Amino acid sequence: MNLLRRQLSLALVASLTPLAASAAGPVNLDARGVAIHGHDPVAYFAEGKAVMGRAEFSATAGTATYWFATEANQRLFKADPARYEPQYGGYCAFGVAQGYTPDIDPTAFRIVDGKLYLNLSPAVQTRWQADIPGFIDRANRNWASLKSR
């Protein structure tokens, strides 16, 4: 009985924790455990814009649940999640370059070399775009230590 109570307690805590950790590092999740504030990760690539997903079309990858606007996008994601998942666990790429993991505005995004990068806001994205290669390089180096926290 104690083991069951402990497992239920851990499950409850996990369901209430917006930050989840995975083998790849922390993942930016909302209170529902959904990544990208419910936006469809495939739509960024297919439509070139942020599109709100629907809970009925969902899939999990690691500790994150992703929502999709269409069943077709859901299928594409399930076939190759790594292709569509945002970099740095879905945290702001500029923030990671500075050494921390801030939230994002799903509409402030950019696809660079086939990878999805999100930013805190359009204003932060403007700063990030001033030196995308440099900030990606710094973020990649910082992510190595941030993801082990």
N, C-alpha and C. Protein backbone atom coordinates (compact mmCIF):
# COMPACT_ATOMS: atom_id res chain seq x y z
N MET A 1 0.81 -1.20 0.00
CA MET A 1 0.00 0.00 0.00
C MET A 1 0.86 1.27 0.00
N ASN A 2 1.96 1.25 0.76
CA ASN A 2 2.85 2.42 0.79
C ASN A 2 3.44 2.71 -0.58
N LEU A 3 3.80 1.67 -1.33
CA LEU A 3 4.35 1.84 -2.66
C LEU A 3 3.33 2.50 -3.59
N LEU A 4 2.09 2.04 -3.52
CA LEU A 4 1.03 2.62 -4.35
C LEU A 4 0.81 4.08 -3.98
N ARG A 5 0.77 4.39 -2.71
CA ARG A 5 0.58 5.78 -2.25
C ARG A 5 1.73 6.65 -2.75
N ARG A 6 2.95 6.13 -2.67
CA ARG A 6 4.12 6.88 -3.14
C ARG A 6 4.04 7.13 -4.64
N GLN A 7 3.65 6.12 -5.42
CA GLN A 7 3.54 6.28 -6.87
C GLN A 7 2.46 7.29 -7.23
N LEU A 8 1.34 7.25 -6.52
CA LEU A 8 0.27 8.22 -6.78
C LEU A 8 0.72 9.63 -6.42
N SER A 9 1.46 9.77 -5.31
CA SER A 9 1.98 11.08 -4.92
C SER A 9 2.93 11.62 -5.97
N LEU A 10 3.83 10.77 -6.45
CA LEU A 10 4.77 11.18 -7.49
C LEU A 10 4.04 11.56 -8.77
N ALA A 11 3.02 10.81 -9.13
CA ALA A 11 2.25 11.12 -10.34
C ALA A 11 1.53 12.45 -10.20
N LEU A 12 1.00 12.73 -9.01
CA LEU A 12 0.31 14.00 -8.78
C LEU A 12 1.30 15.15 -8.88
N VAL A 13 2.43 15.04 -8.25
CA VAL A 13 3.44 16.09 -8.31
C VAL A 13 3.87 16.32 -9.75
N ALA A 14 4.12 15.25 -10.48
CA ALA A 14 4.54 15.39 -11.88
C ALA A 14 3.48 16.08 -12.72
N SER A 15 2.21 15.80 -12.44
CA SER A 15 1.14 16.40 -13.25
C SER A 15 0.97 17.88 -12.94
N LEU A 16 1.42 18.32 -11.77
CA LEU A 16 1.28 19.72 -11.39
C LEU A 16 2.52 20.54 -11.66
N THR A 17 3.59 19.90 -12.10
CA THR A 17 4.86 20.57 -12.33
C THR A 17 5.00 20.97 -13.78
N PRO A 18 5.05 22.30 -14.08
CA PRO A 18 5.15 22.72 -15.46
C PRO A 18 6.51 22.44 -16.09
N LEU A 19 7.54 22.27 -15.31
CA LEU A 19 8.86 21.96 -15.84
C LEU A 19 9.09 20.47 -15.68
N ALA A 20 9.35 19.82 -16.76
CA ALA A 20 9.63 18.39 -16.71
C ALA A 20 11.04 18.16 -17.21
N ALA A 21 11.65 17.12 -16.70
CA ALA A 21 12.99 16.79 -17.16
C ALA A 21 12.94 15.56 -18.02
N SER A 22 13.76 15.52 -19.02
CA SER A 22 13.87 14.35 -19.88
C SER A 22 15.34 14.04 -20.04
N ALA A 23 15.63 12.97 -20.74
CA ALA A 23 17.04 12.62 -20.99
C ALA A 23 17.74 13.73 -21.75
N ALA A 24 16.99 14.47 -22.57
CA ALA A 24 17.57 15.54 -23.35
C ALA A 24 17.67 16.84 -22.56
N GLY A 25 17.08 16.88 -21.38
CA GLY A 25 17.11 18.07 -20.54
C GLY A 25 15.72 18.51 -20.15
N PRO A 26 15.64 19.67 -19.50
CA PRO A 26 14.33 20.16 -19.09
C PRO A 26 13.47 20.51 -20.30
N VAL A 27 12.18 20.43 -20.13
CA VAL A 27 11.24 20.74 -21.20
C VAL A 27 10.26 21.78 -20.70
N ASN A 28 10.03 22.80 -21.49
CA ASN A 28 9.14 23.90 -21.14
C ASN A 28 7.69 23.45 -21.38
N LEU A 29 7.00 23.15 -20.31
CA LEU A 29 5.61 22.69 -20.39
C LEU A 29 4.70 23.64 -19.63
N ASP A 30 3.45 23.73 -20.08
CA ASP A 30 2.48 24.51 -19.32
C ASP A 30 1.92 23.64 -18.20
N ALA A 31 0.98 24.16 -17.46
CA ALA A 31 0.43 23.44 -16.30
C ALA A 31 -0.26 22.13 -16.70
N ARG A 32 -0.63 22.00 -17.97
CA ARG A 32 -1.28 20.77 -18.45
C ARG A 32 -0.26 19.74 -18.93
N GLY A 33 1.02 20.11 -18.93
CA GLY A 33 2.06 19.23 -19.44
C GLY A 33 2.21 19.32 -20.95
N VAL A 34 1.69 20.41 -21.53
CA VAL A 34 1.70 20.59 -22.98
C VAL A 34 2.83 21.54 -23.37
N ALA A 35 3.56 21.18 -24.40
CA ALA A 35 4.66 22.00 -24.91
C ALA A 35 4.15 23.08 -25.87
N ILE A 36 4.95 24.10 -26.03
CA ILE A 36 4.71 25.22 -26.96
C ILE A 36 3.34 25.87 -26.73
N HIS A 37 2.89 25.85 -25.50
CA HIS A 37 1.60 26.46 -25.14
C HIS A 37 0.47 25.95 -26.02
N GLY A 38 0.58 24.68 -26.44
CA GLY A 38 -0.47 24.06 -27.23
C GLY A 38 -0.37 24.29 -28.73
N HIS A 39 0.67 24.95 -29.18
CA HIS A 39 0.82 25.19 -30.62
C HIS A 39 1.40 23.96 -31.32
N ASP A 40 1.02 23.80 -32.56
CA ASP A 40 1.38 22.65 -33.39
C ASP A 40 2.81 22.78 -33.89
N PRO A 41 3.74 21.92 -33.46
CA PRO A 41 5.13 22.04 -33.91
C PRO A 41 5.31 21.79 -35.40
N VAL A 42 4.49 20.96 -36.00
CA VAL A 42 4.61 20.66 -37.42
C VAL A 42 4.19 21.87 -38.26
N ALA A 43 3.21 22.61 -37.79
CA ALA A 43 2.71 23.77 -38.54
C ALA A 43 3.78 24.83 -38.76
N TYR A 44 4.71 24.96 -37.84
CA TYR A 44 5.80 25.93 -38.04
C TYR A 44 6.55 25.62 -39.34
N PHE A 45 6.74 24.34 -39.61
CA PHE A 45 7.47 23.91 -40.80
C PHE A 45 6.56 23.90 -42.03
N ALA A 46 5.35 23.37 -41.87
CA ALA A 46 4.44 23.18 -43.01
C ALA A 46 3.76 24.47 -43.45
N GLU A 47 3.43 25.34 -42.48
CA GLU A 47 2.69 26.56 -42.80
C GLU A 47 3.49 27.84 -42.58
N GLY A 48 4.63 27.71 -41.91
CA GLY A 48 5.46 28.88 -41.67
C GLY A 48 4.87 29.85 -40.67
N LYS A 49 4.00 29.34 -39.80
CA LYS A 49 3.42 30.21 -38.78
C LYS A 49 2.99 29.38 -37.57
N ALA A 50 2.75 30.09 -36.46
CA ALA A 50 2.27 29.44 -35.24
C ALA A 50 0.78 29.16 -35.39
N VAL A 51 0.41 27.90 -35.20
CA VAL A 51 -0.99 27.48 -35.31
C VAL A 51 -1.34 26.73 -34.04
N MET A 52 -2.44 27.11 -33.42
CA MET A 52 -2.88 26.44 -32.20
C MET A 52 -3.29 25.01 -32.52
N GLY A 53 -2.82 24.08 -31.71
CA GLY A 53 -3.21 22.68 -31.87
C GLY A 53 -4.48 22.38 -31.10
N ARG A 54 -4.92 21.14 -31.20
CA ARG A 54 -6.14 20.70 -30.50
C ARG A 54 -5.79 19.46 -29.70
N ALA A 55 -6.33 19.39 -28.51
CA ALA A 55 -6.04 18.27 -27.60
C ALA A 55 -6.41 16.93 -28.22
N GLU A 56 -7.41 16.90 -29.08
CA GLU A 56 -7.82 15.63 -29.69
C GLU A 56 -6.75 15.06 -30.61
N PHE A 57 -5.86 15.91 -31.10
CA PHE A 57 -4.73 15.46 -31.93
C PHE A 57 -3.45 15.68 -31.12
N SER A 58 -3.12 14.74 -30.26
CA SER A 58 -1.95 14.92 -29.41
C SER A 58 -1.00 13.73 -29.56
N ALA A 59 0.24 13.98 -29.16
CA ALA A 59 1.26 12.93 -29.15
C ALA A 59 2.28 13.31 -28.09
N THR A 60 2.93 12.31 -27.54
CA THR A 60 3.97 12.58 -26.56
C THR A 60 5.34 12.22 -27.14
N ALA A 61 6.31 12.97 -26.68
CA ALA A 61 7.71 12.71 -27.00
C ALA A 61 8.47 13.01 -25.72
N GLY A 62 9.11 12.01 -25.16
CA GLY A 62 9.76 12.20 -23.88
C GLY A 62 8.74 12.55 -22.82
N THR A 63 8.95 13.65 -22.14
CA THR A 63 8.03 14.07 -21.08
C THR A 63 6.98 15.08 -21.57
N ALA A 64 7.05 15.46 -22.83
CA ALA A 64 6.18 16.50 -23.37
C ALA A 64 5.01 15.93 -24.15
N THR A 65 3.89 16.61 -24.04
CA THR A 65 2.74 16.35 -24.89
C THR A 65 2.64 17.49 -25.88
N TYR A 66 2.46 17.16 -27.14
CA TYR A 66 2.31 18.16 -28.20
C TYR A 66 0.91 18.05 -28.76
N TRP A 67 0.33 19.19 -29.11
CA TRP A 67 -0.97 19.25 -29.75
C TRP A 67 -0.78 19.62 -31.22
N PHE A 68 -1.69 19.15 -32.06
CA PHE A 68 -1.61 19.37 -33.50
C PHE A 68 -2.92 19.91 -34.03
N ALA A 69 -2.84 20.70 -35.06
CA ALA A 69 -4.03 21.28 -35.68
C ALA A 69 -4.79 20.25 -36.50
N THR A 70 -4.05 19.26 -37.02
CA THR A 70 -4.67 18.26 -37.87
C THR A 70 -4.13 16.87 -37.54
N GLU A 71 -4.88 15.87 -37.93
CA GLU A 71 -4.43 14.50 -37.76
C GLU A 71 -3.20 14.22 -38.63
N ALA A 72 -3.15 14.84 -39.79
CA ALA A 72 -1.99 14.66 -40.67
C ALA A 72 -0.71 15.16 -40.00
N ASN A 73 -0.78 16.32 -39.35
CA ASN A 73 0.39 16.84 -38.64
C ASN A 73 0.78 15.93 -37.49
N GLN A 74 -0.21 15.40 -36.80
CA GLN A 74 0.04 14.45 -35.72
C GLN A 74 0.82 13.24 -36.24
N ARG A 75 0.40 12.70 -37.38
CA ARG A 75 1.08 11.54 -37.97
C ARG A 75 2.51 11.87 -38.36
N LEU A 76 2.72 13.05 -38.96
CA LEU A 76 4.08 13.46 -39.34
C LEU A 76 4.98 13.53 -38.11
N PHE A 77 4.47 14.09 -37.03
CA PHE A 77 5.26 14.20 -35.81
C PHE A 77 5.59 12.83 -35.24
N LYS A 78 4.60 11.97 -35.17
CA LYS A 78 4.82 10.63 -34.61
C LYS A 78 5.86 9.85 -35.40
N ALA A 79 5.95 10.10 -36.69
CA ALA A 79 6.92 9.40 -37.53
C ALA A 79 8.35 9.88 -37.28
N ASP A 80 8.52 11.15 -36.82
CA ASP A 80 9.86 11.70 -36.62
C ASP A 80 9.81 12.88 -35.65
N PRO A 81 9.58 12.62 -34.36
CA PRO A 81 9.44 13.72 -33.39
C PRO A 81 10.65 14.65 -33.37
N ALA A 82 11.85 14.12 -33.44
CA ALA A 82 13.06 14.95 -33.34
C ALA A 82 13.12 16.01 -34.44
N ARG A 83 12.51 15.74 -35.56
CA ARG A 83 12.51 16.70 -36.67
C ARG A 83 11.71 17.96 -36.33
N TYR A 84 10.67 17.81 -35.50
CA TYR A 84 9.74 18.91 -35.24
C TYR A 84 9.84 19.53 -33.85
N GLU A 85 10.46 18.83 -32.90
CA GLU A 85 10.54 19.37 -31.55
C GLU A 85 11.40 20.64 -31.53
N PRO A 86 10.99 21.62 -30.73
CA PRO A 86 11.80 22.84 -30.66
C PRO A 86 13.13 22.60 -29.95
N GLN A 87 14.10 23.41 -30.29
CA GLN A 87 15.41 23.32 -29.66
C GLN A 87 15.34 23.78 -28.20
N TYR A 88 16.28 23.33 -27.41
CA TYR A 88 16.44 23.73 -26.01
C TYR A 88 15.19 23.47 -25.19
N GLY A 89 14.55 22.35 -25.44
CA GLY A 89 13.38 21.97 -24.65
C GLY A 89 12.20 22.91 -24.80
N GLY A 90 12.22 23.73 -25.83
CA GLY A 90 11.12 24.68 -26.04
C GLY A 90 11.28 25.96 -25.24
N TYR A 91 12.45 26.19 -24.68
CA TYR A 91 12.72 27.45 -23.98
C TYR A 91 13.24 28.48 -24.98
N CYS A 92 13.25 29.72 -24.57
CA CYS A 92 13.71 30.83 -25.40
C CYS A 92 15.17 30.63 -25.79
N ALA A 93 15.44 30.60 -27.09
CA ALA A 93 16.80 30.39 -27.59
C ALA A 93 17.75 31.51 -27.16
N PHE A 94 17.26 32.74 -27.15
CA PHE A 94 18.09 33.86 -26.71
C PHE A 94 18.41 33.73 -25.22
N GLY A 95 17.41 33.36 -24.42
CA GLY A 95 17.63 33.17 -22.99
C GLY A 95 18.64 32.07 -22.71
N VAL A 96 18.54 30.96 -23.44
CA VAL A 96 19.49 29.86 -23.26
C VAL A 96 20.89 30.34 -23.61
N ALA A 97 21.00 31.19 -24.63
CA ALA A 97 22.31 31.75 -24.99
C ALA A 97 22.86 32.62 -23.85
N GLN A 98 21.97 33.17 -23.03
CA GLN A 98 22.39 33.99 -21.88
C GLN A 98 22.59 33.15 -20.62
N GLY A 99 22.21 31.86 -20.68
CA GLY A 99 22.46 30.98 -19.55
C GLY A 99 21.26 30.67 -18.68
N TYR A 100 20.05 30.96 -19.15
CA TYR A 100 18.87 30.62 -18.37
C TYR A 100 17.76 30.14 -19.29
N THR A 101 16.64 29.68 -18.71
CA THR A 101 15.57 29.04 -19.50
C THR A 101 14.24 29.77 -19.34
N PRO A 102 14.08 30.90 -20.01
CA PRO A 102 12.80 31.62 -19.93
C PRO A 102 11.73 30.98 -20.81
N ASP A 103 10.50 31.33 -20.51
CA ASP A 103 9.34 30.88 -21.28
C ASP A 103 9.40 31.47 -22.69
N ILE A 104 8.40 31.19 -23.49
CA ILE A 104 8.39 31.65 -24.88
C ILE A 104 7.04 32.25 -25.25
N ASP A 105 7.04 32.99 -26.32
CA ASP A 105 5.84 33.41 -27.02
C ASP A 105 5.82 32.55 -28.27
N PRO A 106 4.83 31.66 -28.42
CA PRO A 106 4.83 30.74 -29.57
C PRO A 106 4.85 31.42 -30.93
N THR A 107 4.50 32.70 -30.99
CA THR A 107 4.52 33.39 -32.28
C THR A 107 5.90 33.95 -32.61
N ALA A 108 6.81 33.94 -31.65
CA ALA A 108 8.17 34.45 -31.88
C ALA A 108 9.08 33.25 -32.16
N PHE A 109 9.18 32.88 -33.42
CA PHE A 109 9.92 31.67 -33.79
C PHE A 109 10.72 31.92 -35.06
N ARG A 110 11.64 31.01 -35.28
CA ARG A 110 12.41 31.02 -36.53
C ARG A 110 12.91 29.60 -36.77
N ILE A 111 12.86 29.17 -38.00
CA ILE A 111 13.43 27.88 -38.38
C ILE A 111 14.78 28.17 -39.02
N VAL A 112 15.82 27.57 -38.45
CA VAL A 112 17.18 27.76 -38.93
C VAL A 112 17.79 26.38 -39.16
N ASP A 113 18.26 26.15 -40.36
CA ASP A 113 18.86 24.85 -40.71
C ASP A 113 17.96 23.68 -40.33
N GLY A 114 16.67 23.85 -40.57
CA GLY A 114 15.72 22.78 -40.32
C GLY A 114 15.37 22.55 -38.86
N LYS A 115 15.73 23.50 -37.98
CA LYS A 115 15.43 23.36 -36.55
C LYS A 115 14.58 24.53 -36.09
N LEU A 116 13.64 24.23 -35.18
CA LEU A 116 12.72 25.24 -34.65
C LEU A 116 13.30 25.90 -33.41
N TYR A 117 13.43 27.23 -33.46
CA TYR A 117 13.90 28.02 -32.33
C TYR A 117 12.78 28.97 -31.91
N LEU A 118 12.54 29.04 -30.62
CA LEU A 118 11.49 29.90 -30.07
C LEU A 118 12.13 30.99 -29.23
N ASN A 119 11.43 32.12 -29.10
CA ASN A 119 11.93 33.23 -28.28
C ASN A 119 10.85 33.72 -27.32
N LEU A 120 11.30 34.45 -26.32
CA LEU A 120 10.44 34.97 -25.27
C LEU A 120 9.36 35.91 -25.81
N SER A 121 9.74 36.73 -26.78
CA SER A 121 8.83 37.75 -27.31
C SER A 121 9.36 38.20 -28.66
N PRO A 122 8.53 38.93 -29.42
CA PRO A 122 9.05 39.48 -30.68
C PRO A 122 10.23 40.43 -30.47
N ALA A 123 10.24 41.20 -29.39
CA ALA A 123 11.36 42.11 -29.13
C ALA A 123 12.64 41.32 -28.86
N VAL A 124 12.55 40.26 -28.09
CA VAL A 124 13.71 39.42 -27.81
C VAL A 124 14.15 38.72 -29.10
N GLN A 125 13.19 38.31 -29.91
CA GLN A 125 13.53 37.67 -31.17
C GLN A 125 14.33 38.61 -32.07
N THR A 126 13.97 39.87 -32.08
CA THR A 126 14.72 40.86 -32.87
C THR A 126 16.17 40.91 -32.42
N ARG A 127 16.40 40.88 -31.11
CA ARG A 127 17.78 40.87 -30.59
C ARG A 127 18.49 39.58 -31.00
N TRP A 128 17.79 38.44 -30.91
CA TRP A 128 18.37 37.15 -31.27
C TRP A 128 18.76 37.11 -32.75
N GLN A 129 17.93 37.71 -33.59
CA GLN A 129 18.18 37.69 -35.02
C GLN A 129 19.38 38.55 -35.43
N ALA A 130 19.86 39.38 -34.54
CA ALA A 130 21.03 40.21 -34.85
C ALA A 130 22.29 39.36 -35.02
N ASP A 131 22.33 38.17 -34.40
CA ASP A 131 23.49 37.28 -34.53
C ASP A 131 23.04 35.83 -34.28
N ILE A 132 22.19 35.34 -35.15
CA ILE A 132 21.64 33.99 -34.95
C ILE A 132 22.75 32.94 -34.82
N PRO A 133 23.73 32.88 -35.71
CA PRO A 133 24.76 31.84 -35.55
C PRO A 133 25.50 31.94 -34.22
N GLY A 134 25.83 33.16 -33.82
CA GLY A 134 26.55 33.36 -32.56
C GLY A 134 25.71 32.94 -31.36
N PHE A 135 24.42 33.33 -31.37
CA PHE A 135 23.56 32.97 -30.25
C PHE A 135 23.28 31.47 -30.22
N ILE A 136 23.14 30.85 -31.38
CA ILE A 136 22.95 29.39 -31.40
C ILE A 136 24.19 28.70 -30.84
N ASP A 137 25.36 29.17 -31.22
CA ASP A 137 26.60 28.58 -30.71
C ASP A 137 26.66 28.71 -29.18
N ARG A 138 26.37 29.90 -28.66
CA ARG A 138 26.39 30.11 -27.20
C ARG A 138 25.31 29.28 -26.53
N ALA A 139 24.13 29.22 -27.12
CA ALA A 139 23.03 28.44 -26.53
C ALA A 139 23.39 26.95 -26.51
N ASN A 140 24.00 26.46 -27.58
CA ASN A 140 24.39 25.05 -27.60
C ASN A 140 25.37 24.74 -26.48
N ARG A 141 26.33 25.63 -26.27
CA ARG A 141 27.31 25.42 -25.18
C ARG A 141 26.63 25.51 -23.82
N ASN A 142 25.75 26.49 -23.64
CA ASN A 142 25.04 26.64 -22.37
C ASN A 142 24.08 25.50 -22.10
N TRP A 143 23.45 24.99 -23.16
CA TRP A 143 22.45 23.94 -22.98
C TRP A 143 23.07 22.69 -22.35
N ALA A 144 24.31 22.43 -22.65
CA ALA A 144 24.98 21.28 -22.07
C ALA A 144 24.94 21.32 -20.54
N SER A 145 25.13 22.50 -19.96
CA SER A 145 25.08 22.59 -18.49
C SER A 145 23.65 22.81 -18.00
N LEU A 146 22.82 23.55 -18.73
CA LEU A 146 21.45 23.80 -18.30
C LEU A 146 20.62 22.51 -18.27
N LYS A 147 20.86 21.63 -19.22
CA LYS A 147 20.03 20.43 -19.29
C LYS A 147 20.37 19.42 -18.21
N SER A 148 21.49 19.60 -17.53
CA SER A 148 21.84 18.65 -16.47
C SER A 148 21.38 19.14 -15.10
N ARG A 149 20.74 20.28 -15.04
CA ARG A 149 20.26 20.81 -13.76
C ARG A 149 19.08 20.07 -13.25
